[in-house]
Amino acid sequence: MFAIFSLTLGLAPFNPPHIWGKLQWIAGGGAFSGEHAMGAMDWFDVLLHGTPWLFLIAAIIAYVQFFIKKASN
């Protein structure tokens, strides 16, 4: 389920992926260099598009830890 959310909400709009542009903006380069500083709405946008990716990463880590623990028993 987290993978579906990440591929839909996490990447929308798709060309280029919106979250990638926001991450470049935070890093200070890329497509958004030279534009205004990020406002509250921009940070909310990063939170909205980034949350599915955080949940997906956490689920993968939990899945791997579960199977490592199961294999060691």
PDB file of N, CA and C in Angstrom:
ATOM      1  N   MET A   1       0.821  -1.186   0.000  1.00  0.00           N
ATOM      2  CA  MET A   1       0.000   0.000   0.000  1.00  0.00           C
ATOM      3  C   MET A   1       0.870   1.257   0.000  1.00  0.00           C
ATOM      4  N   PHE A   2       1.964   1.225   0.788  1.00  0.00           N
ATOM      5  CA  PHE A   2       2.852   2.396   0.826  1.00  0.00           C
ATOM      6  C   PHE A   2       3.509   2.638  -0.527  1.00  0.00           C
ATOM      7  N   ALA A   3       3.786   1.581  -1.264  1.00  0.00           N
ATOM      8  CA  ALA A   3       4.387   1.735  -2.588  1.00  0.00           C
ATOM      9  C   ALA A   3       3.416   2.424  -3.539  1.00  0.00           C
ATOM     10  N   ILE A   4       2.153   2.088  -3.460  1.00  0.00           N
ATOM     11  CA  ILE A   4       1.150   2.728  -4.312  1.00  0.00           C
ATOM     12  C   ILE A   4       1.039   4.212  -3.974  1.00  0.00           C
ATOM     13  N   PHE A   5       1.006   4.530  -2.674  1.00  0.00           N
ATOM     14  CA  PHE A   5       0.942   5.934  -2.262  1.00  0.00           C
ATOM     15  C   PHE A   5       2.183   6.695  -2.714  1.00  0.00           C
ATOM     16  N   SER A   6       3.339   6.066  -2.606  1.00  0.00           N
ATOM     17  CA  SER A   6       4.579   6.727  -2.996  1.00  0.00           C
ATOM     18  C   SER A   6       4.619   6.997  -4.490  1.00  0.00           C
ATOM     19  N   LEU A   7       4.132   6.057  -5.275  1.00  0.00           N
ATOM     20  CA  LEU A   7       4.171   6.219  -6.726  1.00  0.00           C
ATOM     21  C   LEU A   7       3.082   7.156  -7.251  1.00  0.00           C
ATOM     22  N   THR A   8       2.033   7.379  -6.472  1.00  0.00           N
ATOM     23  CA  THR A   8       0.979   8.290  -6.927  1.00  0.00           C
ATOM     24  C   THR A   8       1.132   9.656  -6.270  1.00  0.00           C
ATOM     25  N   LEU A   9       0.802   9.764  -5.011  1.00  0.00           N
ATOM     26  CA  LEU A   9       0.879  11.044  -4.309  1.00  0.00           C
ATOM     27  C   LEU A   9       2.316  11.517  -4.160  1.00  0.00           C
ATOM     28  N   GLY A  10       3.236  10.608  -3.935  1.00  0.00           N
ATOM     29  CA  GLY A  10       4.634  10.984  -3.718  1.00  0.00           C
ATOM     30  C   GLY A  10       5.325  11.539  -4.939  1.00  0.00           C
ATOM     31  N   LEU A  11       4.887  11.158  -6.131  1.00  0.00           N
ATOM     32  CA  LEU A  11       5.526  11.635  -7.364  1.00  0.00           C
ATOM     33  C   LEU A  11       4.700  12.663  -8.127  1.00  0.00           C
ATOM     34  N   ALA A  12       3.433  12.830  -7.791  1.00  0.00           N
ATOM     35  CA  ALA A  12       2.566  13.731  -8.556  1.00  0.00           C
ATOM     36  C   ALA A  12       3.024  15.178  -8.422  1.00  0.00           C
ATOM     37  N   PRO A  13       2.922  16.003  -9.422  1.00  0.00           N
ATOM     38  CA  PRO A  13       2.785  15.693 -10.834  1.00  0.00           C
ATOM     39  C   PRO A  13       4.026  14.975 -11.336  1.00  0.00           C
ATOM     40  N   PHE A  14       3.871  14.209 -12.381  1.00  0.00           N
ATOM     41  CA  PHE A  14       4.864  13.203 -12.728  1.00  0.00           C
ATOM     42  C   PHE A  14       6.012  13.661 -13.614  1.00  0.00           C
ATOM     43  N   ASN A  15       5.887  14.763 -14.322  1.00  0.00           N
ATOM     44  CA  ASN A  15       6.953  15.127 -15.259  1.00  0.00           C
ATOM     45  C   ASN A  15       7.391  16.561 -15.042  1.00  0.00           C
ATOM     46  N   PRO A  16       8.455  16.854 -14.350  1.00  0.00           N
ATOM     47  CA  PRO A  16       9.287  15.966 -13.533  1.00  0.00           C
ATOM     48  C   PRO A  16       8.599  15.717 -12.196  1.00  0.00           C
ATOM     49  N   PRO A  17       9.022  14.697 -11.466  1.00  0.00           N
ATOM     50  CA  PRO A  17       8.407  14.441 -10.159  1.00  0.00           C
ATOM     51  C   PRO A  17       8.519  15.675  -9.261  1.00  0.00           C
ATOM     52  N   HIS A  18       7.404  16.078  -8.714  1.00  0.00           N
ATOM     53  CA  HIS A  18       7.318  17.304  -7.932  1.00  0.00           C
ATOM     54  C   HIS A  18       8.229  17.259  -6.708  1.00  0.00           C
ATOM     55  N   ILE A  19       8.280  16.125  -6.042  1.00  0.00           N
ATOM     56  CA  ILE A  19       9.096  16.021  -4.829  1.00  0.00           C
ATOM     57  C   ILE A  19      10.571  16.212  -5.164  1.00  0.00           C
ATOM     58  N   TRP A  20      10.997  15.758  -6.334  1.00  0.00           N
ATOM     59  CA  TRP A  20      12.398  15.918  -6.724  1.00  0.00           C
ATOM     60  C   TRP A  20      12.743  17.405  -6.859  1.00  0.00           C
ATOM     61  N   GLY A  21      11.870  18.165  -7.466  1.00  0.00           N
ATOM     62  CA  GLY A  21      12.089  19.605  -7.593  1.00  0.00           C
ATOM     63  C   GLY A  21      12.134  20.296  -6.245  1.00  0.00           C
ATOM     64  N   LYS A  22      11.257  19.895  -5.337  1.00  0.00           N
ATOM     65  CA  LYS A  22      11.249  20.491  -3.990  1.00  0.00           C
ATOM     66  C   LYS A  22      12.531  20.140  -3.231  1.00  0.00           C
ATOM     67  N   LEU A  23      13.006  18.902  -3.370  1.00  0.00           N
ATOM     68  CA  LEU A  23      14.251  18.517  -2.700  1.00  0.00           C
ATOM     69  C   LEU A  23      15.434  19.295  -3.259  1.00  0.00           C
ATOM     70  N   GLN A  24      15.428  19.548  -4.570  1.00  0.00           N
ATOM     71  CA  GLN A  24      16.481  20.369  -5.163  1.00  0.00           C
ATOM     72  C   GLN A  24      16.394  21.803  -4.647  1.00  0.00           C
ATOM     73  N   TRP A  25      15.183  22.289  -4.462  1.00  0.00           N
ATOM     74  CA  TRP A  25      14.977  23.641  -3.955  1.00  0.00           C
ATOM     75  C   TRP A  25      15.525  23.751  -2.537  1.00  0.00           C
ATOM     76  N   ILE A  26      15.265  22.740  -1.706  1.00  0.00           N
ATOM     77  CA  ILE A  26      15.776  22.731  -0.335  1.00  0.00           C
ATOM     78  C   ILE A  26      17.300  22.690  -0.341  1.00  0.00           C
ATOM     79  N   ALA A  27      17.874  21.904  -1.251  1.00  0.00           N
ATOM     80  CA  ALA A  27      19.336  21.785  -1.342  1.00  0.00           C
ATOM     81  C   ALA A  27      19.977  23.061  -1.887  1.00  0.00           C
ATOM     82  N   GLY A  28      19.169  23.944  -2.481  1.00  0.00           N
ATOM     83  CA  GLY A  28      19.689  25.211  -2.957  1.00  0.00           C
ATOM     84  C   GLY A  28      20.145  25.221  -4.404  1.00  0.00           C
ATOM     85  N   GLY A  29      19.711  24.268  -5.185  1.00  0.00           N
ATOM     86  CA  GLY A  29      20.108  24.238  -6.587  1.00  0.00           C
ATOM     87  C   GLY A  29      19.036  23.630  -7.449  1.00  0.00           C
ATOM     88  N   GLY A  30      19.413  23.295  -8.646  1.00  0.00           N
ATOM     89  CA  GLY A  30      18.494  22.619  -9.551  1.00  0.00           C
ATOM     90  C   GLY A  30      17.492  23.549 -10.181  1.00  0.00           C
ATOM     91  N   ALA A  31      16.303  23.043 -10.401  1.00  0.00           N
ATOM     92  CA  ALA A  31      15.283  23.757 -11.166  1.00  0.00           C
ATOM     93  C   ALA A  31      14.808  25.030 -10.477  1.00  0.00           C
ATOM     94  N   PHE A  32      14.951  25.114  -9.162  1.00  0.00           N
ATOM     95  CA  PHE A  32      14.402  26.243  -8.436  1.00  0.00           C
ATOM     96  C   PHE A  32      15.463  27.238  -7.980  1.00  0.00           C
ATOM     97  N   SER A  33      16.681  27.132  -8.467  1.00  0.00           N
ATOM     98  CA  SER A  33      17.736  28.038  -8.017  1.00  0.00           C
ATOM     99  C   SER A  33      17.423  29.459  -8.476  1.00  0.00           C
ATOM    100  N   GLY A  34      17.699  30.397  -7.587  1.00  0.00           N
ATOM    101  CA  GLY A  34      17.480  31.797  -7.903  1.00  0.00           C
ATOM    102  C   GLY A  34      16.065  32.283  -7.641  1.00  0.00           C
ATOM    103  N   GLU A  35      15.158  31.411  -7.234  1.00  0.00           N
ATOM    104  CA  GLU A  35      13.796  31.825  -6.948  1.00  0.00           C
ATOM    105  C   GLU A  35      13.665  32.216  -5.483  1.00  0.00           C
ATOM    106  N   HIS A  36      12.498  32.618  -5.095  1.00  0.00           N
ATOM    107  CA  HIS A  36      12.238  33.055  -3.729  1.00  0.00           C
ATOM    108  C   HIS A  36      12.449  31.910  -2.728  1.00  0.00           C
ATOM    109  N   ALA A  37      12.599  32.277  -1.458  1.00  0.00           N
ATOM    110  CA  ALA A  37      12.774  31.276  -0.408  1.00  0.00           C
ATOM    111  C   ALA A  37      11.478  30.494  -0.231  1.00  0.00           C
ATOM    112  N   MET A  38      11.603  29.307   0.307  1.00  0.00           N
ATOM    113  CA  MET A  38      10.431  28.460   0.515  1.00  0.00           C
ATOM    114  C   MET A  38       9.565  29.035   1.625  1.00  0.00           C
ATOM    115  N   GLY A  39       8.286  29.105   1.368  1.00  0.00           N
ATOM    116  CA  GLY A  39       7.322  29.569   2.357  1.00  0.00           C
ATOM    117  C   GLY A  39       6.658  28.395   3.049  1.00  0.00           C
ATOM    118  N   ALA A  40       5.697  28.718   3.901  1.00  0.00           N
ATOM    119  CA  ALA A  40       4.995  27.681   4.665  1.00  0.00           C
ATOM    120  C   ALA A  40       4.272  26.699   3.745  1.00  0.00           C
ATOM    121  N   MET A  41       3.678  27.202   2.679  1.00  0.00           N
ATOM    122  CA  MET A  41       2.968  26.331   1.747  1.00  0.00           C
ATOM    123  C   MET A  41       3.927  25.361   1.051  1.00  0.00           C
ATOM    124  N   ASP A  42       5.137  25.827   0.749  1.00  0.00           N
ATOM    125  CA  ASP A  42       6.132  24.960   0.110  1.00  0.00           C
ATOM    126  C   ASP A  42       6.568  23.849   1.063  1.00  0.00           C
ATOM    127  N   TRP A  43       6.758  24.182   2.338  1.00  0.00           N
ATOM    128  CA  TRP A  43       7.148  23.156   3.311  1.00  0.00           C
ATOM    129  C   TRP A  43       6.026  22.150   3.525  1.00  0.00           C
ATOM    130  N   PHE A  44       4.774  22.628   3.535  1.00  0.00           N
ATOM    131  CA  PHE A  44       3.643  21.712   3.628  1.00  0.00           C
ATOM    132  C   PHE A  44       3.601  20.788   2.420  1.00  0.00           C
ATOM    133  N   ASP A  45       3.911  21.335   1.255  1.00  0.00           N
ATOM    134  CA  ASP A  45       3.949  20.545   0.021  1.00  0.00           C
ATOM    135  C   ASP A  45       5.012  19.445   0.106  1.00  0.00           C
ATOM    136  N   VAL A  46       6.181  19.774   0.655  1.00  0.00           N
ATOM    137  CA  VAL A  46       7.241  18.771   0.853  1.00  0.00           C
ATOM    138  C   VAL A  46       6.754  17.694   1.817  1.00  0.00           C
ATOM    139  N   LEU A  47       6.099  18.104   2.891  1.00  0.00           N
ATOM    140  CA  LEU A  47       5.562  17.144   3.855  1.00  0.00           C
ATOM    141  C   LEU A  47       4.524  16.241   3.194  1.00  0.00           C
ATOM    142  N   LEU A  48       3.632  16.836   2.410  1.00  0.00           N
ATOM    143  CA  LEU A  48       2.576  16.068   1.756  1.00  0.00           C
ATOM    144  C   LEU A  48       3.136  15.049   0.767  1.00  0.00           C
ATOM    145  N   HIS A  49       4.091  15.463  -0.053  1.00  0.00           N
ATOM    146  CA  HIS A  49       4.645  14.561  -1.064  1.00  0.00           C
ATOM    147  C   HIS A  49       5.729  13.643  -0.505  1.00  0.00           C
ATOM    148  N   GLY A  50       6.338  14.005   0.620  1.00  0.00           N
ATOM    149  CA  GLY A  50       7.415  13.206   1.185  1.00  0.00           C
ATOM    150  C   GLY A  50       6.973  12.141   2.172  1.00  0.00           C
ATOM    151  N   THR A  51       5.823  12.337   2.807  1.00  0.00           N
ATOM    152  CA  THR A  51       5.349  11.383   3.811  1.00  0.00           C
ATOM    153  C   THR A  51       5.172   9.963   3.274  1.00  0.00           C
ATOM    154  N   PRO A  52       4.584   9.755   2.098  1.00  0.00           N
ATOM    155  CA  PRO A  52       4.468   8.369   1.608  1.00  0.00           C
ATOM    156  C   PRO A  52       5.832   7.694   1.446  1.00  0.00           C
ATOM    157  N   TRP A  53       6.850   8.467   1.043  1.00  0.00           N
ATOM    158  CA  TRP A  53       8.193   7.891   0.888  1.00  0.00           C
ATOM    159  C   TRP A  53       8.779   7.509   2.244  1.00  0.00           C
ATOM    160  N   LEU A  54       8.546   8.325   3.271  1.00  0.00           N
ATOM    161  CA  LEU A  54       9.047   7.985   4.608  1.00  0.00           C
ATOM    162  C   LEU A  54       8.392   6.712   5.137  1.00  0.00           C
ATOM    163  N   PHE A  55       7.073   6.594   4.927  1.00  0.00           N
ATOM    164  CA  PHE A  55       6.367   5.382   5.350  1.00  0.00           C
ATOM    165  C   PHE A  55       6.853   4.156   4.581  1.00  0.00           C
ATOM    166  N   LEU A  56       7.105   4.307   3.287  1.00  0.00           N
ATOM    167  CA  LEU A  56       7.605   3.193   2.480  1.00  0.00           C
ATOM    168  C   LEU A  56       8.982   2.747   2.980  1.00  0.00           C
ATOM    169  N   ILE A  57       9.863   3.676   3.253  1.00  0.00           N
ATOM    170  CA  ILE A  57      11.201   3.339   3.759  1.00  0.00           C
ATOM    171  C   ILE A  57      11.103   2.653   5.111  1.00  0.00           C
ATOM    172  N   ALA A  58      10.243   3.169   6.002  1.00  0.00           N
ATOM    173  CA  ALA A  58      10.062   2.553   7.323  1.00  0.00           C
ATOM    174  C   ALA A  58       9.501   1.138   7.197  1.00  0.00           C
ATOM    175  N   ALA A  59       8.562   0.930   6.284  1.00  0.00           N
ATOM    176  CA  ALA A  59       7.971  -0.402   6.087  1.00  0.00           C
ATOM    177  C   ALA A  59       9.007  -1.384   5.549  1.00  0.00           C
ATOM    178  N   ILE A  60       9.849  -0.932   4.627  1.00  0.00           N
ATOM    179  CA  ILE A  60      10.895  -1.806   4.085  1.00  0.00           C
ATOM    180  C   ILE A  60      11.887  -2.189   5.167  1.00  0.00           C
ATOM    181  N   ILE A  61      12.286  -1.229   5.991  1.00  0.00           N
ATOM    182  CA  ILE A  61      13.223  -1.511   7.090  1.00  0.00           C
ATOM    183  C   ILE A  61      12.596  -2.508   8.066  1.00  0.00           C
ATOM    184  N   ALA A  62      11.332  -2.311   8.438  1.00  0.00           N
ATOM    185  CA  ALA A  62      10.657  -3.236   9.358  1.00  0.00           C
ATOM    186  C   ALA A  62      10.543  -4.622   8.752  1.00  0.00           C
ATOM    187  N   TYR A  63      10.245  -4.688   7.458  1.00  0.00           N
ATOM    188  CA  TYR A  63      10.129  -5.966   6.749  1.00  0.00           C
ATOM    189  C   TYR A  63      11.452  -6.713   6.753  1.00  0.00           C
ATOM    190  N   VAL A  64      12.529  -6.030   6.467  1.00  0.00           N
ATOM    191  CA  VAL A  64      13.858  -6.651   6.444  1.00  0.00           C
ATOM    192  C   VAL A  64      14.260  -7.104   7.841  1.00  0.00           C
ATOM    193  N   GLN A  65      14.024  -6.265   8.847  1.00  0.00           N
ATOM    194  CA  GLN A  65      14.363  -6.642  10.219  1.00  0.00           C
ATOM    195  C   GLN A  65      13.571  -7.859  10.676  1.00  0.00           C
ATOM    196  N   PHE A  66      12.300  -7.937  10.296  1.00  0.00           N
ATOM    197  CA  PHE A  66      11.470  -9.073  10.668  1.00  0.00           C
ATOM    198  C   PHE A  66      12.037 -10.376  10.102  1.00  0.00           C
ATOM    199  N   PHE A  67      12.423 -10.349   8.828  1.00  0.00           N
ATOM    200  CA  PHE A  67      12.931 -11.570   8.207  1.00  0.00           C
ATOM    201  C   PHE A  67      14.337 -11.905   8.673  1.00  0.00           C
ATOM    202  N   ILE A  68      15.128 -10.928   9.024  1.00  0.00           N
ATOM    203  CA  ILE A  68      16.458 -11.218   9.598  1.00  0.00           C
ATOM    204  C   ILE A  68      16.290 -11.867  10.956  1.00  0.00           C
ATOM    205  N   LYS A  69      15.380 -11.344  11.768  1.00  0.00           N
ATOM    206  CA  LYS A  69      15.130 -11.922  13.085  1.00  0.00           C
ATOM    207  C   LYS A  69      14.552 -13.332  12.955  1.00  0.00           C
ATOM    208  N   LYS A  70      13.636 -13.532  12.004  1.00  0.00           N
ATOM    209  CA  LYS A  70      13.034 -14.836  11.797  1.00  0.00           C
ATOM    210  C   LYS A  70      14.076 -15.850  11.318  1.00  0.00           C
ATOM    211  N   ALA A  71      14.993 -15.423  10.463  1.00  0.00           N
ATOM    212  CA  ALA A  71      16.027 -16.314   9.951  1.00  0.00           C
ATOM    213  C   ALA A  71      17.041 -16.691  11.013  1.00  0.00           C
ATOM    214  N   SER A  72      17.256 -15.831  11.989  1.00  0.00           N
ATOM    215  CA  SER A  72      18.249 -16.124  13.025  1.00  0.00           C
ATOM    216  C   SER A  72      17.710 -17.069  14.095  1.00  0.00           C
ATOM    217  N   ASN A  73      16.390 -17.261  14.158  1.00  0.00           N
ATOM    218  CA  ASN A  73      15.808 -18.163  15.168  1.00  0.00           C
ATOM    219  C   ASN A  73      15.772 -19.562  14.698  1.00  0.00           C
TER     220      ASN A  73
END
